[in-house]
């Protein structure tokens, strides 16, 4: 039960406010319960803790997007697109493609094309990258 889990995490955060591990989990549960703005605040407070980087930026981006804070979501996702880890970058690009207000730049398109050539055809995150590439090409009206 996520509500019970949230109550426990809130108590743990109250008892040990210096341990961001509880707060990070609390933010994820808040998001799961549809409390996007609260989750974004909680997760943003954890972002300085390097234990959660870079993963926290995907969670935080999702919370910002769900809370209607697209600019902050884009900033979070862009922190992941520059990583050499293709899987994390693919998830971030897919998330950018999912934002209706985001327009891919020419640089984004070049990066997507380059990464699509480097990723193994069977890589589990390749389909996310290909979705983002298709969305970028659609925005540019490049149907070739």
C-alpha atoms as a PDB file:
ATOM      1  CA  UNK A   1       0.000   0.000   0.000  1.00  0.00           C
ATOM      2  CA  UNK A   2       1.723   3.207  -1.149  1.00  0.00           C
ATOM      3  CA  UNK A   3      -0.165   5.337   1.388  1.00  0.00           C
ATOM      4  CA  UNK A   4       1.186   3.256   4.255  1.00  0.00           C
ATOM      5  CA  UNK A   5       4.646   3.343   2.704  1.00  0.00           C
ATOM      6  CA  UNK A   6       4.429   7.135   2.482  1.00  0.00           C
ATOM      7  CA  UNK A   7       3.457   7.420   6.157  1.00  0.00           C
ATOM      8  CA  UNK A   8       6.458   5.298   7.154  1.00  0.00           C
ATOM      9  CA  UNK A   9       8.812   7.310   4.942  1.00  0.00           C
ATOM     10  CA  UNK A  10       7.483  10.589   6.307  1.00  0.00           C
ATOM     11  CA  UNK A  11       8.182   9.362   9.827  1.00  0.00           C
ATOM     12  CA  UNK A  12      11.682   8.218   8.864  1.00  0.00           C
ATOM     13  CA  UNK A  13      12.361  11.630   7.302  1.00  0.00           C
ATOM     14  CA  UNK A  14      11.154  13.310  10.490  1.00  0.00           C
ATOM     15  CA  UNK A  15      13.381  11.106  12.659  1.00  0.00           C
ATOM     16  CA  UNK A  16      16.459  11.402  10.452  1.00  0.00           C
ATOM     17  CA  UNK A  17      16.167  14.532   8.281  1.00  0.00           C
ATOM     18  CA  UNK A  18      19.854  14.443   7.321  1.00  0.00           C
ATOM     19  CA  UNK A  19      19.516  11.084   5.520  1.00  0.00           C
ATOM     20  CA  UNK A  20      18.328  11.886   2.018  1.00  0.00           C
ATOM     21  CA  UNK A  21      17.824   8.196   1.249  1.00  0.00           C
ATOM     22  CA  UNK A  22      14.452   8.346   2.998  1.00  0.00           C
ATOM     23  CA  UNK A  23      13.528  11.593   1.287  1.00  0.00           C
ATOM     24  CA  UNK A  24      14.453  10.211  -2.129  1.00  0.00           C
ATOM     25  CA  UNK A  25      12.196   7.209  -1.604  1.00  0.00           C
ATOM     26  CA  UNK A  26       9.468   9.478  -0.212  1.00  0.00           C
ATOM     27  CA  UNK A  27       9.631  11.628  -3.367  1.00  0.00           C
ATOM     28  CA  UNK A  28       9.250   8.570  -5.561  1.00  0.00           C
ATOM     29  CA  UNK A  29       6.205   7.403  -3.561  1.00  0.00           C
ATOM     30  CA  UNK A  30       4.690  10.898  -3.634  1.00  0.00           C
ATOM     31  CA  UNK A  31       5.004  10.796  -7.409  1.00  0.00           C
ATOM     32  CA  UNK A  32       3.457   7.320  -7.531  1.00  0.00           C
ATOM     33  CA  UNK A  33       0.485   8.711  -5.579  1.00  0.00           C
ATOM     34  CA  UNK A  34       0.019  11.541  -8.082  1.00  0.00           C
ATOM     35  CA  UNK A  35       1.469  14.262  -5.873  1.00  0.00           C
ATOM     36  CA  UNK A  36       3.757  15.561  -8.588  1.00  0.00           C
ATOM     37  CA  UNK A  37       4.458  19.049  -7.224  1.00  0.00           C
ATOM     38  CA  UNK A  38       5.231  17.700  -3.754  1.00  0.00           C
ATOM     39  CA  UNK A  39       7.393  14.967  -5.275  1.00  0.00           C
ATOM     40  CA  UNK A  40       9.305  17.530  -7.339  1.00  0.00           C
ATOM     41  CA  UNK A  41      10.064  19.566  -4.218  1.00  0.00           C
ATOM     42  CA  UNK A  42      11.136  16.495  -2.268  1.00  0.00           C
ATOM     43  CA  UNK A  43      13.318  15.167  -5.088  1.00  0.00           C
ATOM     44  CA  UNK A  44      14.846  18.587  -5.807  1.00  0.00           C
ATOM     45  CA  UNK A  45      15.960  18.721  -2.181  1.00  0.00           C
ATOM     46  CA  UNK A  46      17.773  15.407  -2.735  1.00  0.00           C
ATOM     47  CA  UNK A  47      19.464  16.409  -5.998  1.00  0.00           C
ATOM     48  CA  UNK A  48      22.575  17.750  -4.275  1.00  0.00           C
ATOM     49  CA  UNK A  49      23.294  14.283  -2.872  1.00  0.00           C
ATOM     50  CA  UNK A  50      25.593  12.705  -5.444  1.00  0.00           C
ATOM     51  CA  UNK A  51      24.490   9.175  -4.509  1.00  0.00           C
ATOM     52  CA  UNK A  52      21.409   9.627  -6.664  1.00  0.00           C
ATOM     53  CA  UNK A  53      22.993  11.118  -9.732  1.00  0.00           C
ATOM     54  CA  UNK A  54      22.229  10.828 -12.531  1.00  0.00           C
ATOM     55  CA  UNK A  55      19.083   8.759 -11.886  1.00  0.00           C
ATOM     56  CA  UNK A  56      17.441  11.422  -9.765  1.00  0.00           C
ATOM     57  CA  UNK A  57      17.223  13.738 -12.755  1.00  0.00           C
ATOM     58  CA  UNK A  58      14.972  11.326 -14.613  1.00  0.00           C
ATOM     59  CA  UNK A  59      12.669  10.996 -11.580  1.00  0.00           C
ATOM     60  CA  UNK A  60      12.783  14.736 -10.961  1.00  0.00           C
ATOM     61  CA  UNK A  61      12.110  15.489 -14.626  1.00  0.00           C
ATOM     62  CA  UNK A  62       9.055  13.236 -14.578  1.00  0.00           C
ATOM     63  CA  UNK A  63       7.758  14.951 -11.433  1.00  0.00           C
ATOM     64  CA  UNK A  64       8.276  18.406 -12.951  1.00  0.00           C
ATOM     65  CA  UNK A  65       6.580  17.327 -16.194  1.00  0.00           C
ATOM     66  CA  UNK A  66       3.577  15.936 -14.334  1.00  0.00           C
ATOM     67  CA  UNK A  67       3.371  19.130 -12.267  1.00  0.00           C
ATOM     68  CA  UNK A  68       3.270  21.211 -15.461  1.00  0.00           C
ATOM     69  CA  UNK A  69       6.783  22.599 -14.986  1.00  0.00           C
ATOM     70  CA  UNK A  70       8.061  21.772 -18.472  1.00  0.00           C
ATOM     71  CA  UNK A  71      11.106  24.059 -18.402  1.00  0.00           C
ATOM     72  CA  UNK A  72      12.449  22.393 -15.260  1.00  0.00           C
ATOM     73  CA  UNK A  73      11.669  18.962 -16.721  1.00  0.00           C
ATOM     74  CA  UNK A  74      13.649  19.797 -19.870  1.00  0.00           C
ATOM     75  CA  UNK A  75      16.602  20.942 -17.761  1.00  0.00           C
ATOM     76  CA  UNK A  76      16.573  17.656 -15.832  1.00  0.00           C
ATOM     77  CA  UNK A  77      16.327  15.520 -18.963  1.00  0.00           C
ATOM     78  CA  UNK A  78      19.128  17.456 -20.659  1.00  0.00           C
ATOM     79  CA  UNK A  79      21.435  16.594 -17.752  1.00  0.00           C
ATOM     80  CA  UNK A  80      21.089  12.968 -18.868  1.00  0.00           C
ATOM     81  CA  UNK A  81      21.374  13.455 -22.635  1.00  0.00           C
ATOM     82  CA  UNK A  82      25.032  14.426 -22.303  1.00  0.00           C
ATOM     83  CA  UNK A  83      26.008  11.221 -20.508  1.00  0.00           C
ATOM     84  CA  UNK A  84      28.019   8.568 -22.334  1.00  0.00           C
ATOM     85  CA  UNK A  85      25.557   5.952 -21.000  1.00  0.00           C
ATOM     86  CA  UNK A  86      23.294   5.364 -24.000  1.00  0.00           C
ATOM     87  CA  UNK A  87      20.486   3.820 -21.923  1.00  0.00           C
ATOM     88  CA  UNK A  88      20.132   6.808 -19.594  1.00  0.00           C
ATOM     89  CA  UNK A  89      20.388   9.222 -22.511  1.00  0.00           C
ATOM     90  CA  UNK A  90      17.781   7.241 -24.464  1.00  0.00           C
ATOM     91  CA  UNK A  91      15.340   7.404 -21.539  1.00  0.00           C
ATOM     92  CA  UNK A  92      15.924  11.161 -21.300  1.00  0.00           C
ATOM     93  CA  UNK A  93      15.420  11.715 -25.033  1.00  0.00           C
ATOM     94  CA  UNK A  94      12.224   9.648 -24.935  1.00  0.00           C
ATOM     95  CA  UNK A  95      11.038  11.812 -22.035  1.00  0.00           C
ATOM     96  CA  UNK A  96      11.788  14.962 -24.029  1.00  0.00           C
ATOM     97  CA  UNK A  97       9.827  13.543 -26.962  1.00  0.00           C
ATOM     98  CA  UNK A  98       6.926  12.894 -24.618  1.00  0.00           C
ATOM     99  CA  UNK A  99       6.759  16.582 -23.653  1.00  0.00           C
ATOM    100  CA  UNK A 100       4.295  18.087 -26.096  1.00  0.00           C
ATOM    101  CA  UNK A 101       5.887  21.535 -25.819  1.00  0.00           C
ATOM    102  CA  UNK A 102       9.487  20.446 -26.444  1.00  0.00           C
ATOM    103  CA  UNK A 103      11.015  21.100 -29.851  1.00  0.00           C
ATOM    104  CA  UNK A 104      14.154  19.170 -30.734  1.00  0.00           C
ATOM    105  CA  UNK A 105      17.053  21.319 -31.894  1.00  0.00           C
ATOM    106  CA  UNK A 106      19.316  20.489 -34.828  1.00  0.00           C
ATOM    107  CA  UNK A 107      21.967  19.544 -32.257  1.00  0.00           C
ATOM    108  CA  UNK A 108      19.512  17.154 -30.581  1.00  0.00           C
ATOM    109  CA  UNK A 109      18.747  15.591 -33.952  1.00  0.00           C
ATOM    110  CA  UNK A 110      22.447  15.121 -34.735  1.00  0.00           C
ATOM    111  CA  UNK A 111      22.998  13.544 -31.302  1.00  0.00           C
ATOM    112  CA  UNK A 112      20.010  11.228 -31.735  1.00  0.00           C
ATOM    113  CA  UNK A 113      21.259  10.093 -35.131  1.00  0.00           C
ATOM    114  CA  UNK A 114      24.759   9.518 -33.786  1.00  0.00           C
ATOM    115  CA  UNK A 115      23.580   7.553 -30.774  1.00  0.00           C
ATOM    116  CA  UNK A 116      21.199   5.456 -32.860  1.00  0.00           C
ATOM    117  CA  UNK A 117      24.171   4.261 -34.915  1.00  0.00           C
ATOM    118  CA  UNK A 118      26.213   3.430 -31.812  1.00  0.00           C
ATOM    119  CA  UNK A 119      23.559   1.480 -29.937  1.00  0.00           C
ATOM    120  CA  UNK A 120      23.284  -2.250 -30.407  1.00  0.00           C
ATOM    121  CA  UNK A 121      20.155  -3.121 -32.383  1.00  0.00           C
ATOM    122  CA  UNK A 122      18.977  -5.356 -29.557  1.00  0.00           C
ATOM    123  CA  UNK A 123      19.727  -2.876 -26.769  1.00  0.00           C
ATOM    124  CA  UNK A 124      16.664  -2.598 -24.527  1.00  0.00           C
ATOM    125  CA  UNK A 125      16.642   1.198 -24.586  1.00  0.00           C
ATOM    126  CA  UNK A 126      17.217   1.547 -28.309  1.00  0.00           C
ATOM    127  CA  UNK A 127      13.485   1.659 -28.986  1.00  0.00           C
ATOM    128  CA  UNK A 128      13.211   4.712 -26.705  1.00  0.00           C
ATOM    129  CA  UNK A 129      15.942   6.454 -28.656  1.00  0.00           C
ATOM    130  CA  UNK A 130      14.315   5.546 -31.973  1.00  0.00           C
ATOM    131  CA  UNK A 131      10.979   6.935 -30.765  1.00  0.00           C
ATOM    132  CA  UNK A 132      12.675  10.218 -29.871  1.00  0.00           C
ATOM    133  CA  UNK A 133      14.458  10.280 -33.236  1.00  0.00           C
ATOM    134  CA  UNK A 134      11.161   9.718 -35.050  1.00  0.00           C
ATOM    135  CA  UNK A 135       9.552  12.527 -33.033  1.00  0.00           C
ATOM    136  CA  UNK A 136      12.445  14.892 -33.838  1.00  0.00           C
ATOM    137  CA  UNK A 137      12.229  14.070 -37.542  1.00  0.00           C
ATOM    138  CA  UNK A 138       8.470  14.569 -37.452  1.00  0.00           C
ATOM    139  CA  UNK A 139       8.940  18.008 -35.889  1.00  0.00           C
ATOM    140  CA  UNK A 140      11.404  18.919 -38.638  1.00  0.00           C
ATOM    141  CA  UNK A 141       8.968  17.466 -41.217  1.00  0.00           C
ATOM    142  CA  UNK A 142      11.770  15.261 -42.454  1.00  0.00           C
ATOM    143  CA  UNK A 143      10.022  12.187 -43.804  1.00  0.00           C
ATOM    144  CA  UNK A 144      12.873  10.916 -45.968  1.00  0.00           C
END
